[in-house]
Amino acid sequence: MPATWLDRVIGFVAPAAGRRRLRERHAFEAMLRTYAGADIGRRSAGWNPRGTSANAELALALPSLRDRMRDLVRNNPHAAKAVSTIVVHAVGSGIMPRAKSGNKRLDRKVDALFDAWTKVCHSKGRLDFYGLQTLVCREFIEAGEVLVRRRSRRLSDGLPVPLQLQVIEADHLDSAKDGDLGNGVNAVQGVEQDTFERPTGYWLFSVHPGAMRPVSTLPKGGRSSRVPADDIAHVFELRRDQDRGEPWGVAAMAPLKDLGTYEEAEVMRKQIEACTVGVVTGEDPEPRLGGTVGADEERQFGIFDGSGFRVERFEPGMFLNLHGGQDIKFHSPVATGSFEAYKRVSLQAIAAGFRVPYELISGDLAHVSYISGRLGMQEFYRLMEQVQWQILIPMFCERVWAWFCGAAYDAGLIPTATVAVEWSPPRMPAVDPFKQAMADLLDMRAGTRSHAEIVHERGRNPDDVLAEIVAFNAAVDAAGIVLDSDPRKVAKSGVLQVSEAQSAAPEQAVGSGQPKT
């Protein structure tokens, strides 16, 4: 980098400052050469993004993003399929807890109590705990965030534990509560915070703002009220350490809308083609007049039916009779060969925006092999594990477990308010179930996984499965039946196993002509 005349002047007057100036100029120009995305030139002249914070961006865009995503999910089949696919793989049959306090008697009691409470935990009485997981996951994927409120109940309500859960859509948050609320209290779009930016309260409307009810009929005149943060589980994905969540597929919203518009245009074009079969042309030496149309008007416009009435609309299979028609010209529908290719490319972009494999959104498995399908699904399974262990479990499941244990302790049902817990998300579907089962068997034989862990992944309680096995084996032994699937008596190869007592039996059984056991 050559020195300019100004560099030489500065270097003559202040050599140290001149050296620093040259070093800084060299570093600045090297940075511009390294980051092509930061280049300021003709091609990037229109690329001027704003450097606003995440909360500032969401304050302006979140209502529109949430409403548009919901509209897409309601009316666009690909958006509906993407959201459903994520929820199915993230929750499945449910993320199951298991008490792990170390006290087996206490753990069995807590597990039984939780299992009974899950059936009545919904404040509206429609879903169990695992159905609530599906609802919570779907809402945070579709709307970007969801709130779950703890609702304490009376002992006289007859619940196993005096506690229920209320799922609240993010629209209930009063975004107008933003900034300084007075008395040193600060809020970010309805989320009240302390000096360490930890949530201390949520300002919620008691009725959904979109319920379209007169303000005079709303509780407190439609004003929001504060709910302590200890009573709220706020579930959303943090992308930039923000305080509100954005819908999952924001990057795919514009391509989804464009694809829907393109498909509508294609359907309309085909409908227009089907409305007219042909046109009758040529000169008619004796023009027919009928209806209410005069001769001058007919010669001016010239599109009428056989009775002389002007054609106001087209219908499928229709012929147009032009004035003086003597010839027929048939329309030839135009085939669009690029439609399938365009839709495939668009769906690939949409799938990337939703972070879902293209094959799961489109259902197109024509170009998928066993290896490519398995490799594509592995990345998606890892993403779903992130959703389970970094969003659903810490933000929702752990919070509900703490509420449950606290309510059970206050009701005198368990001796402690905190019980350690272990969560078991559902197993991701295996591409090859036989190979997956063999892998599980090898893991158990090697001691890297327990039988209880594998049973939990399949949505069952290990204690229940063990009790079923004991009862079944007792019934089989009482009936004197030996099953090929019984590992106590038959080896994996199908050979009957010999007990130690049988192997020590005298050999005279062979001499007497009797077969050896």
Protein backbone atom coordinates (compact mmCIF):
# COMPACT_ATOMS: atom_id res chain seq x y z
CA MET A 1 0.00 0.00 0.00
CA PRO A 2 1.82 3.16 -1.18
CA ALA A 3 2.03 6.16 1.11
CA THR A 4 0.14 9.31 0.12
CA TRP A 5 1.47 12.88 0.34
CA LEU A 6 -0.49 13.29 3.58
CA ASP A 7 1.21 10.22 5.04
CA ARG A 8 4.61 11.67 4.17
CA VAL A 9 3.77 15.03 5.77
CA ILE A 10 2.50 13.39 8.97
CA GLY A 11 5.52 11.09 9.02
CA PHE A 12 7.88 14.07 8.71
CA VAL A 13 6.18 16.03 11.52
CA ALA A 14 5.33 13.06 13.81
CA PRO A 15 7.01 9.79 12.73
CA ALA A 16 5.28 7.67 15.42
CA ALA A 17 1.83 8.94 14.42
CA GLY A 18 2.65 8.31 10.77
CA ARG A 19 3.56 4.68 11.47
CA ARG A 20 0.31 4.17 13.38
CA ARG A 21 -1.66 5.75 10.55
CA LEU A 22 -0.12 3.41 7.98
CA ARG A 23 -0.75 0.34 10.15
CA GLU A 24 -4.42 1.26 10.72
CA ARG A 25 -5.00 1.99 7.03
CA HIS A 26 -3.44 -1.33 6.10
CA ALA A 27 -5.63 -3.20 8.62
CA PHE A 28 -8.79 -1.41 7.42
CA GLU A 29 -8.19 -2.16 3.75
CA ALA A 30 -7.31 -5.77 4.56
CA MET A 31 -10.62 -6.12 6.43
CA LEU A 32 -12.56 -4.80 3.44
CA ARG A 33 -10.76 -7.24 1.13
CA THR A 34 -11.43 -10.17 3.52
CA TYR A 35 -15.17 -9.64 4.03
CA ALA A 36 -16.82 -9.44 0.64
CA GLY A 37 -20.18 -9.09 2.37
CA ALA A 38 -19.03 -5.76 3.84
CA ASP A 39 -17.92 -4.37 0.49
CA ILE A 40 -19.56 -1.08 -0.49
CA GLY A 41 -19.85 -1.04 -4.25
CA ARG A 42 -22.23 -0.90 -7.14
CA ARG A 43 -23.62 -4.41 -6.67
CA SER A 44 -24.30 -3.94 -2.96
CA ALA A 45 -25.53 -0.35 -3.15
CA GLY A 46 -29.12 -1.37 -2.33
CA TRP A 47 -28.15 -3.65 0.55
CA ASN A 48 -28.57 -1.46 3.62
CA PRO A 49 -29.78 -3.53 6.58
CA ARG A 50 -30.52 -1.86 9.89
CA GLY A 51 -28.34 -2.47 12.91
CA THR A 52 -31.24 -2.58 15.37
CA SER A 53 -31.43 -4.90 18.37
CA ALA A 54 -33.41 -8.13 18.34
CA ASN A 55 -36.09 -6.68 20.61
CA ALA A 56 -36.41 -3.58 18.42
CA GLU A 57 -36.84 -5.71 15.30
CA LEU A 58 -39.49 -7.90 16.94
CA ALA A 59 -41.37 -4.91 18.35
CA LEU A 60 -42.13 -3.77 14.79
CA ALA A 61 -42.42 -7.07 12.94
CA LEU A 62 -43.70 -9.67 15.43
CA PRO A 63 -47.47 -9.03 15.14
CA SER A 64 -47.35 -9.22 11.33
CA LEU A 65 -45.06 -12.25 11.35
CA ARG A 66 -47.33 -14.09 13.77
CA ASP A 67 -50.54 -13.27 11.89
CA ARG A 68 -49.10 -14.11 8.48
CA MET A 69 -47.62 -17.39 9.63
CA ARG A 70 -50.95 -18.45 11.10
CA ASP A 71 -52.65 -17.52 7.84
CA LEU A 72 -50.14 -19.62 5.89
CA VAL A 73 -50.64 -22.60 8.18
CA ARG A 74 -54.42 -22.30 7.82
CA ASN A 75 -54.44 -21.99 4.04
CA ASN A 76 -51.15 -23.31 2.65
CA PRO A 77 -50.74 -27.10 2.75
CA HIS A 78 -46.95 -26.95 2.68
CA ALA A 79 -46.80 -24.63 5.71
CA ALA A 80 -49.28 -26.83 7.57
CA LYS A 81 -47.19 -29.92 6.75
CA ALA A 82 -43.95 -28.26 7.88
CA VAL A 83 -45.34 -27.26 11.28
CA SER A 84 -46.95 -30.66 11.78
CA THR A 85 -43.71 -32.46 10.88
CA ILE A 86 -41.68 -30.50 13.43
CA VAL A 87 -44.24 -31.08 16.20
CA VAL A 88 -44.54 -34.81 15.46
CA HIS A 89 -40.78 -35.35 15.63
CA ALA A 90 -40.15 -33.05 18.60
CA VAL A 91 -42.93 -34.38 20.85
CA GLY A 92 -44.25 -37.61 19.36
CA SER A 93 -46.14 -39.55 21.99
CA GLY A 94 -44.74 -37.28 24.71
CA ILE A 95 -41.60 -36.45 26.71
CA MET A 96 -41.94 -38.67 29.78
CA PRO A 97 -40.50 -37.93 33.24
CA ARG A 98 -39.19 -40.39 35.81
CA ALA A 99 -38.40 -39.46 39.41
CA LYS A 100 -34.72 -40.03 40.26
CA SER A 101 -34.36 -39.04 43.91
CA GLY A 102 -32.53 -42.25 44.80
CA ASN A 103 -35.32 -43.31 47.15
CA LYS A 104 -37.17 -46.03 45.22
CA ARG A 105 -40.23 -45.88 47.41
CA LEU A 106 -40.51 -42.11 47.01
CA ASP A 107 -39.82 -42.33 43.28
CA ARG A 108 -42.59 -44.87 42.73
CA LYS A 109 -45.02 -42.73 44.72
CA VAL A 110 -44.15 -39.55 42.83
CA ASP A 111 -44.36 -41.31 39.45
CA ALA A 112 -47.77 -42.77 40.29
CA LEU A 113 -49.01 -39.40 41.54
CA PHE A 114 -47.74 -37.60 38.43
CA ASP A 115 -49.31 -40.21 36.15
CA ALA A 116 -52.70 -39.67 37.81
CA TRP A 117 -52.33 -35.87 37.67
CA THR A 118 -51.39 -35.79 33.97
CA LYS A 119 -54.91 -36.90 33.02
CA VAL A 120 -56.53 -33.80 34.60
CA CYS A 121 -53.76 -31.20 34.38
CA HIS A 122 -55.37 -29.11 31.62
CA SER A 123 -57.37 -26.16 32.95
CA LYS A 124 -59.97 -26.72 30.22
CA GLY A 125 -60.09 -30.46 30.84
CA ARG A 126 -59.47 -31.43 27.21
CA LEU A 127 -55.86 -32.65 27.09
CA ASP A 128 -53.52 -34.62 29.27
CA PHE A 129 -49.95 -33.52 29.97
CA TYR A 130 -48.59 -35.05 26.77
CA GLY A 131 -51.33 -33.46 24.71
CA LEU A 132 -50.34 -30.14 26.27
CA GLN A 133 -46.78 -30.76 25.13
CA THR A 134 -48.05 -31.07 21.56
CA LEU A 135 -50.11 -27.88 21.88
CA VAL A 136 -47.23 -25.93 23.42
CA CYS A 137 -44.77 -27.11 20.77
CA ARG A 138 -47.16 -26.35 17.93
CA GLU A 139 -47.89 -22.86 19.24
CA PHE A 140 -44.26 -21.91 19.73
CA ILE A 141 -43.38 -23.20 16.23
CA GLU A 142 -46.30 -21.45 14.56
CA ALA A 143 -46.52 -18.22 16.57
CA GLY A 144 -42.93 -18.07 17.82
CA GLU A 145 -43.76 -18.27 21.53
CA VAL A 146 -46.37 -19.51 23.98
CA LEU A 147 -47.12 -18.95 27.66
CA VAL A 148 -48.18 -21.61 30.18
CA ARG A 149 -49.67 -20.33 33.42
CA ARG A 150 -49.77 -22.17 36.73
CA ARG A 151 -53.28 -22.34 38.14
CA SER A 152 -53.44 -23.38 41.80
CA ARG A 153 -56.59 -25.21 42.87
CA ARG A 154 -58.28 -26.04 46.17
CA LEU A 155 -57.95 -29.42 47.84
CA SER A 156 -61.72 -29.72 47.65
CA ASP A 157 -61.60 -29.73 43.84
CA GLY A 158 -60.82 -33.44 43.92
CA LEU A 159 -57.64 -33.35 41.82
CA PRO A 160 -54.76 -35.76 42.56
CA VAL A 161 -52.62 -32.63 43.01
CA PRO A 162 -54.26 -29.18 43.40
CA LEU A 163 -52.69 -27.75 40.27
CA GLN A 164 -53.67 -27.20 36.62
CA LEU A 165 -52.05 -25.63 33.56
CA GLN A 166 -53.44 -22.92 31.28
CA VAL A 167 -51.99 -22.47 27.79
CA ILE A 168 -52.02 -18.80 26.74
CA GLU A 169 -51.28 -17.53 23.25
CA ALA A 170 -48.62 -14.83 22.91
CA ASP A 171 -51.28 -12.35 21.69
CA HIS A 172 -52.30 -11.94 25.34
CA LEU A 173 -48.99 -10.18 26.11
CA ASP A 174 -49.48 -6.41 26.34
CA SER A 175 -46.71 -5.12 24.06
CA ALA A 176 -47.59 -1.55 25.01
CA LYS A 177 -45.95 -2.21 28.39
CA ASP A 178 -42.53 -1.30 27.10
CA GLY A 179 -39.75 0.76 28.62
CA ASP A 180 -39.82 2.43 32.03
CA LEU A 181 -43.03 1.61 33.93
CA GLY A 182 -42.11 3.77 36.92
CA ASN A 183 -40.66 2.96 40.35
CA GLY A 184 -37.54 1.61 38.67
CA VAL A 185 -39.46 -1.13 36.85
CA ASN A 186 -38.58 -1.83 33.22
CA ALA A 187 -40.46 -3.94 30.69
CA VAL A 188 -39.78 -5.24 27.19
CA GLN A 189 -42.95 -5.73 25.12
CA GLY A 190 -45.01 -6.89 28.09
CA VAL A 191 -42.23 -8.80 29.88
CA GLU A 192 -41.28 -7.07 33.12
CA GLN A 193 -37.60 -7.39 34.10
CA ASP A 194 -35.24 -6.72 36.98
CA THR A 195 -31.85 -5.02 36.80
CA PHE A 196 -30.28 -8.27 35.57
CA GLU A 197 -32.88 -8.52 32.74
CA ARG A 198 -34.50 -11.54 34.35
CA PRO A 199 -38.30 -11.80 33.95
CA THR A 200 -40.19 -10.78 37.05
CA GLY A 201 -43.69 -10.49 35.64
CA TYR A 202 -45.85 -10.70 32.53
CA TRP A 203 -48.53 -8.17 31.60
CA LEU A 204 -51.40 -10.20 30.15
CA PHE A 205 -54.85 -9.47 28.78
CA SER A 206 -57.47 -11.74 30.34
CA VAL A 207 -59.24 -12.06 26.95
CA HIS A 208 -57.60 -12.55 23.55
CA PRO A 209 -57.32 -9.14 21.81
CA GLY A 210 -58.72 -10.70 18.66
CA ALA A 211 -61.87 -12.00 20.33
CA MET A 212 -63.85 -9.11 18.72
CA ARG A 213 -65.82 -8.26 21.83
CA PRO A 214 -66.86 -4.74 22.85
CA VAL A 215 -64.35 -3.15 25.21
CA SER A 216 -67.11 -2.45 27.72
CA THR A 217 -67.70 -6.20 28.14
CA LEU A 218 -64.04 -7.06 28.73
CA PRO A 219 -62.69 -7.52 32.27
CA LYS A 220 -61.05 -4.33 33.58
CA GLY A 221 -62.12 -2.56 30.41
CA GLY A 222 -59.61 -4.51 28.32
CA ARG A 223 -56.62 -3.47 30.41
CA SER A 224 -53.80 -5.91 31.09
CA SER A 225 -52.80 -7.12 34.54
CA ARG A 226 -49.49 -8.30 35.95
CA VAL A 227 -48.83 -12.01 36.53
CA PRO A 228 -45.71 -12.99 38.53
CA ALA A 229 -43.00 -14.68 36.49
CA ASP A 230 -43.00 -17.62 38.92
CA ASP A 231 -46.45 -18.53 37.58
CA ILE A 232 -45.48 -18.39 33.88
CA ALA A 233 -43.48 -20.70 31.63
CA HIS A 234 -42.46 -18.70 28.55
CA VAL A 235 -41.48 -21.08 25.74
CA PHE A 236 -39.64 -19.77 22.67
CA GLU A 237 -36.40 -20.15 20.73
CA LEU A 238 -33.66 -17.67 21.51
CA ARG A 239 -31.93 -16.57 18.32
CA ARG A 240 -30.23 -13.35 19.52
CA ASP A 241 -30.82 -13.39 23.29
CA GLN A 242 -34.12 -11.58 22.77
CA ASP A 243 -37.08 -11.47 25.15
CA ARG A 244 -39.79 -12.52 22.69
CA GLY A 245 -39.88 -15.32 20.13
CA GLU A 246 -40.33 -15.24 16.36
CA PRO A 247 -42.17 -17.88 14.30
CA TRP A 248 -40.05 -20.87 13.35
CA GLY A 249 -40.25 -20.55 9.54
CA VAL A 250 -39.89 -16.80 9.04
CA ALA A 251 -37.30 -17.31 6.28
CA ALA A 252 -39.80 -19.44 4.32
CA MET A 253 -42.80 -17.09 4.53
CA ALA A 254 -42.09 -15.11 1.34
CA PRO A 255 -41.31 -18.23 -0.77
CA LEU A 256 -44.49 -19.88 0.56
CA LYS A 257 -46.59 -16.89 -0.48
CA ASP A 258 -44.92 -16.70 -3.89
CA LEU A 259 -45.46 -20.40 -4.54
CA GLY A 260 -49.11 -20.16 -3.53
CA THR A 261 -49.62 -17.19 -5.87
CA TYR A 262 -47.90 -19.02 -8.72
CA GLU A 263 -50.09 -22.10 -8.23
CA GLU A 264 -53.22 -19.94 -8.19
CA ALA A 265 -52.14 -18.31 -11.48
CA GLU A 266 -51.59 -21.73 -13.05
CA VAL A 267 -55.03 -22.93 -11.94
CA MET A 268 -56.66 -19.75 -13.26
CA ARG A 269 -54.88 -20.09 -16.59
CA LYS A 270 -56.13 -23.65 -16.98
CA GLN A 271 -59.66 -22.61 -16.06
CA ILE A 272 -59.61 -19.87 -18.68
CA GLU A 273 -58.36 -22.31 -21.30
CA ALA A 274 -61.15 -24.73 -20.43
CA CYS A 275 -63.83 -22.04 -20.70
CA THR A 276 -63.48 -21.63 -24.49
CA VAL A 277 -63.25 -24.59 -26.86
CA GLY A 278 -63.22 -22.63 -30.11
CA VAL A 279 -64.24 -19.49 -31.98
CA VAL A 280 -66.53 -19.32 -35.02
CA THR A 281 -65.12 -16.82 -37.56
CA GLY A 282 -65.79 -15.68 -41.13
CA GLU A 283 -68.40 -13.53 -42.91
CA ASP A 284 -72.12 -14.22 -42.60
CA PRO A 285 -74.07 -12.80 -45.56
CA GLU A 286 -77.26 -12.68 -43.47
CA PRO A 287 -76.46 -11.54 -39.88
CA ARG A 288 -78.93 -12.75 -37.28
CA LEU A 289 -80.31 -10.28 -34.83
CA GLY A 290 -82.02 -11.28 -31.62
CA GLY A 291 -82.62 -10.40 -28.05
CA THR A 292 -82.12 -6.79 -27.11
CA VAL A 293 -79.02 -6.08 -29.21
CA GLY A 294 -79.25 -3.72 -32.16
CA ALA A 295 -77.48 -4.12 -35.50
CA ASP A 296 -75.02 -1.29 -34.87
CA GLU A 297 -74.11 -2.62 -31.42
CA GLU A 298 -73.68 -6.16 -32.77
CA ARG A 299 -71.31 -5.02 -35.49
CA GLN A 300 -69.36 -3.00 -32.94
CA PHE A 301 -68.72 -5.72 -30.34
CA GLY A 302 -69.45 -8.92 -32.26
CA ILE A 303 -69.40 -11.60 -29.44
CA PHE A 304 -72.90 -13.02 -29.02
CA ASP A 305 -74.58 -16.37 -28.50
CA GLY A 306 -76.83 -18.05 -31.06
CA SER A 307 -79.87 -16.00 -29.99
CA GLY A 308 -78.12 -12.68 -30.37
CA PHE A 309 -77.53 -11.98 -26.69
CA ARG A 310 -74.14 -10.58 -25.76
CA VAL A 311 -71.82 -13.00 -23.89
CA GLU A 312 -71.14 -11.64 -20.42
CA ARG A 313 -69.23 -14.61 -18.98
CA PHE A 314 -67.50 -17.76 -20.17
CA GLU A 315 -68.25 -21.35 -19.20
CA PRO A 316 -66.32 -24.60 -19.73
CA GLY A 317 -66.86 -26.13 -23.17
CA MET A 318 -68.23 -22.91 -24.63
CA PHE A 319 -68.11 -21.82 -28.31
CA LEU A 320 -67.88 -18.11 -29.20
CA ASN A 321 -69.90 -17.01 -32.22
CA LEU A 322 -68.31 -13.94 -33.77
CA HIS A 323 -70.47 -11.81 -36.07
CA GLY A 324 -70.76 -13.45 -39.48
CA GLY A 325 -69.00 -16.63 -38.35
CA GLN A 326 -68.48 -19.33 -40.97
CA ASP A 327 -65.31 -21.10 -39.72
CA ILE A 328 -64.29 -22.80 -36.47
CA LYS A 329 -60.85 -22.46 -34.84
CA PHE A 330 -60.15 -24.70 -31.84
CA HIS A 331 -58.04 -23.61 -28.89
CA SER A 332 -55.00 -25.70 -28.01
CA PRO A 333 -54.22 -25.71 -24.24
CA VAL A 334 -50.59 -24.81 -23.58
CA ALA A 335 -48.61 -27.29 -21.48
CA THR A 336 -46.31 -25.80 -18.84
CA GLY A 337 -43.30 -28.08 -18.62
CA SER A 338 -41.42 -25.91 -16.13
CA PHE A 339 -44.10 -26.00 -13.43
CA GLU A 340 -42.87 -29.18 -11.74
CA ALA A 341 -39.23 -28.04 -11.74
CA TYR A 342 -40.16 -24.62 -10.38
CA LYS A 343 -42.26 -26.12 -7.62
CA ARG A 344 -39.50 -28.54 -6.61
CA VAL A 345 -36.93 -25.74 -6.34
CA SER A 346 -39.40 -23.57 -4.40
CA LEU A 347 -40.19 -26.36 -1.97
CA GLN A 348 -36.48 -26.94 -1.42
CA ALA A 349 -36.10 -23.28 -0.43
CA ILE A 350 -39.18 -23.51 1.80
CA ALA A 351 -37.84 -26.67 3.45
CA ALA A 352 -34.53 -24.93 4.12
CA GLY A 353 -36.38 -22.01 5.70
CA PHE A 354 -38.29 -24.36 8.02
CA ARG A 355 -35.13 -26.44 8.65
CA VAL A 356 -37.04 -29.55 7.58
CA PRO A 357 -35.93 -32.08 4.91
CA TYR A 358 -37.48 -31.45 1.52
CA GLU A 359 -38.85 -34.99 1.33
CA LEU A 360 -40.88 -34.55 4.54
CA ILE A 361 -42.58 -31.37 3.30
CA SER A 362 -43.21 -32.42 -0.29
CA GLY A 363 -43.71 -36.17 0.14
CA ASP A 364 -41.54 -36.58 -2.97
CA LEU A 365 -39.42 -39.71 -2.46
CA ALA A 366 -38.66 -40.33 -6.15
CA HIS A 367 -35.00 -39.35 -5.84
CA VAL A 368 -34.30 -40.74 -2.37
CA SER A 369 -32.21 -43.82 -1.70
CA TYR A 370 -31.74 -45.60 1.61
CA ILE A 371 -28.37 -43.96 2.27
CA SER A 372 -29.35 -40.44 1.18
CA GLY A 373 -32.61 -40.61 3.13
CA ARG A 374 -30.83 -41.74 6.27
CA LEU A 375 -28.15 -39.06 6.00
CA GLY A 376 -30.76 -36.37 5.42
CA MET A 377 -32.83 -37.44 8.42
CA GLN A 378 -29.87 -37.63 10.81
CA GLU A 379 -29.35 -33.86 10.68
CA PHE A 380 -33.07 -33.29 11.24
CA TYR A 381 -33.07 -35.67 14.21
CA ARG A 382 -30.20 -33.70 15.75
CA LEU A 383 -32.19 -30.52 15.32
CA MET A 384 -35.20 -32.09 17.02
CA GLU A 385 -32.98 -33.17 19.92
CA GLN A 386 -31.98 -29.53 20.29
CA VAL A 387 -35.64 -28.52 20.40
CA GLN A 388 -36.31 -31.17 23.04
CA TRP A 389 -33.34 -30.61 25.33
CA GLN A 390 -32.77 -26.87 24.88
CA ILE A 391 -36.33 -25.54 24.57
CA LEU A 392 -39.17 -27.87 25.54
CA ILE A 393 -37.58 -29.62 28.52
CA PRO A 394 -35.90 -26.65 30.28
CA MET A 395 -38.55 -24.03 29.45
CA PHE A 396 -41.71 -26.12 29.88
CA CYS A 397 -41.26 -29.63 31.27
CA GLU A 398 -38.85 -28.77 34.08
CA ARG A 399 -40.99 -25.79 35.09
CA VAL A 400 -44.13 -27.93 35.25
CA TRP A 401 -42.33 -30.62 37.27
CA ALA A 402 -41.22 -28.01 39.83
CA TRP A 403 -44.80 -26.68 40.06
CA PHE A 404 -46.12 -30.23 40.46
CA CYS A 405 -43.70 -31.17 43.24
CA GLY A 406 -44.33 -27.89 45.07
CA ALA A 407 -48.11 -28.33 44.90
CA ALA A 408 -47.88 -31.96 46.01
CA TYR A 409 -45.67 -30.99 48.96
CA ASP A 410 -47.99 -28.15 50.01
CA ALA A 411 -50.89 -30.59 49.91
CA GLY A 412 -49.00 -33.02 52.17
CA LEU A 413 -48.79 -35.73 49.49
CA ILE A 414 -44.97 -36.03 49.34
CA PRO A 415 -42.35 -35.30 52.03
CA THR A 416 -40.21 -32.91 49.95
CA ALA A 417 -40.86 -30.00 47.61
CA THR A 418 -38.06 -30.91 45.20
CA VAL A 419 -37.63 -34.29 43.55
CA ALA A 420 -34.93 -34.98 40.96
CA VAL A 421 -36.29 -36.02 37.59
CA GLU A 422 -35.04 -37.66 34.43
CA TRP A 423 -36.75 -36.92 31.10
CA SER A 424 -37.04 -39.40 28.23
CA PRO A 425 -38.03 -37.91 24.86
CA PRO A 426 -39.60 -40.30 22.35
CA ARG A 427 -37.26 -42.19 20.10
CA MET A 428 -36.84 -40.86 16.61
CA PRO A 429 -38.40 -43.25 14.05
CA ALA A 430 -35.87 -45.74 12.75
CA VAL A 431 -35.24 -46.03 9.03
CA ASP A 432 -34.49 -49.73 9.59
CA PRO A 433 -36.28 -50.99 12.76
CA PHE A 434 -34.42 -54.33 12.78
CA LYS A 435 -31.00 -52.69 12.77
CA GLN A 436 -32.15 -50.27 15.46
CA ALA A 437 -33.34 -53.14 17.65
CA MET A 438 -30.02 -54.95 17.20
CA ALA A 439 -28.16 -51.76 18.13
CA ASP A 440 -30.24 -51.47 21.30
CA LEU A 441 -29.46 -55.07 22.17
CA LEU A 442 -25.73 -54.54 21.70
CA ASP A 443 -25.84 -51.37 23.82
CA MET A 444 -27.53 -53.26 26.67
CA ARG A 445 -25.09 -56.17 26.46
CA ALA A 446 -22.15 -53.75 26.44
CA GLY A 447 -23.56 -51.87 29.43
CA THR A 448 -23.70 -48.49 27.68
CA ARG A 449 -27.50 -48.25 28.03
CA SER A 450 -30.04 -49.68 30.43
CA HIS A 451 -33.20 -51.57 29.69
CA ALA A 452 -35.20 -48.88 31.50
CA GLU A 453 -33.79 -46.14 29.26
CA ILE A 454 -34.81 -47.97 26.09
CA VAL A 455 -38.28 -48.70 27.46
CA HIS A 456 -38.72 -45.01 28.35
CA GLU A 457 -37.84 -44.01 24.78
CA ARG A 458 -40.72 -46.16 23.55
CA GLY A 459 -43.20 -44.30 25.76
CA ARG A 460 -43.60 -46.99 28.45
CA ASN A 461 -42.92 -47.08 32.17
CA PRO A 462 -40.09 -49.56 32.90
CA ASP A 463 -41.74 -50.71 36.13
CA ASP A 464 -44.95 -51.51 34.28
CA VAL A 465 -43.08 -53.41 31.58
CA LEU A 466 -41.13 -55.41 34.17
CA ALA A 467 -44.32 -56.29 36.05
CA GLU A 468 -45.92 -57.44 32.79
CA ILE A 469 -42.90 -59.63 31.99
CA VAL A 470 -42.96 -61.24 35.45
CA ALA A 471 -46.70 -61.94 35.26
CA PHE A 472 -46.44 -63.34 31.73
CA ASN A 473 -43.51 -65.62 32.58
CA ALA A 474 -45.36 -66.93 35.62
CA ALA A 475 -48.43 -67.73 33.51
CA VAL A 476 -46.32 -69.49 30.86
CA ASP A 477 -44.46 -71.58 33.44
CA ALA A 478 -47.73 -72.56 35.13
CA ALA A 479 -49.06 -73.79 31.78
CA GLY A 480 -45.89 -75.79 31.09
CA ILE A 481 -45.21 -73.99 27.82
CA VAL A 482 -41.73 -73.22 26.46
CA LEU A 483 -41.74 -70.35 23.97
CA ASP A 484 -39.00 -69.79 21.43
CA SER A 485 -38.90 -66.13 22.52
CA ASP A 486 -38.19 -66.97 26.19
CA PRO A 487 -34.49 -66.13 26.81
CA ARG A 488 -34.59 -68.06 30.12
CA LYS A 489 -34.98 -71.38 28.33
CA VAL A 490 -34.16 -70.87 24.65
CA ALA A 491 -30.98 -69.32 23.32
CA LYS A 492 -30.95 -66.74 20.54
CA SER A 493 -30.05 -69.44 18.02
CA GLY A 494 -33.16 -71.42 18.99
CA VAL A 495 -31.27 -74.14 20.94
CA LEU A 496 -32.89 -75.26 24.19
CA GLN A 497 -30.75 -74.12 27.11
CA VAL A 498 -29.69 -76.75 29.72
CA SER A 499 -29.76 -75.85 33.39
CA GLU A 500 -26.92 -76.79 35.75
CA ALA A 501 -29.05 -79.47 37.42
CA GLN A 502 -29.79 -81.08 34.07
CA SER A 503 -26.16 -80.98 32.96
CA ALA A 504 -25.13 -82.81 36.20
CA ALA A 505 -27.69 -85.62 35.74
CA PRO A 506 -26.34 -89.20 35.51
CA GLU A 507 -25.58 -90.63 32.10
CA GLN A 508 -27.67 -93.79 32.66
CA ALA A 509 -30.51 -92.06 30.86
CA VAL A 510 -28.56 -92.61 27.64
CA GLY A 511 -27.91 -96.31 28.39
CA SER A 512 -31.57 -96.98 28.98
CA GLY A 513 -32.39 -95.78 25.49
CA GLN A 514 -34.06 -92.61 26.67
CA PRO A 515 -33.15 -89.41 24.88
CA LYS A 516 -30.92 -86.92 26.65
CA THR A 517 -32.67 -83.76 27.84
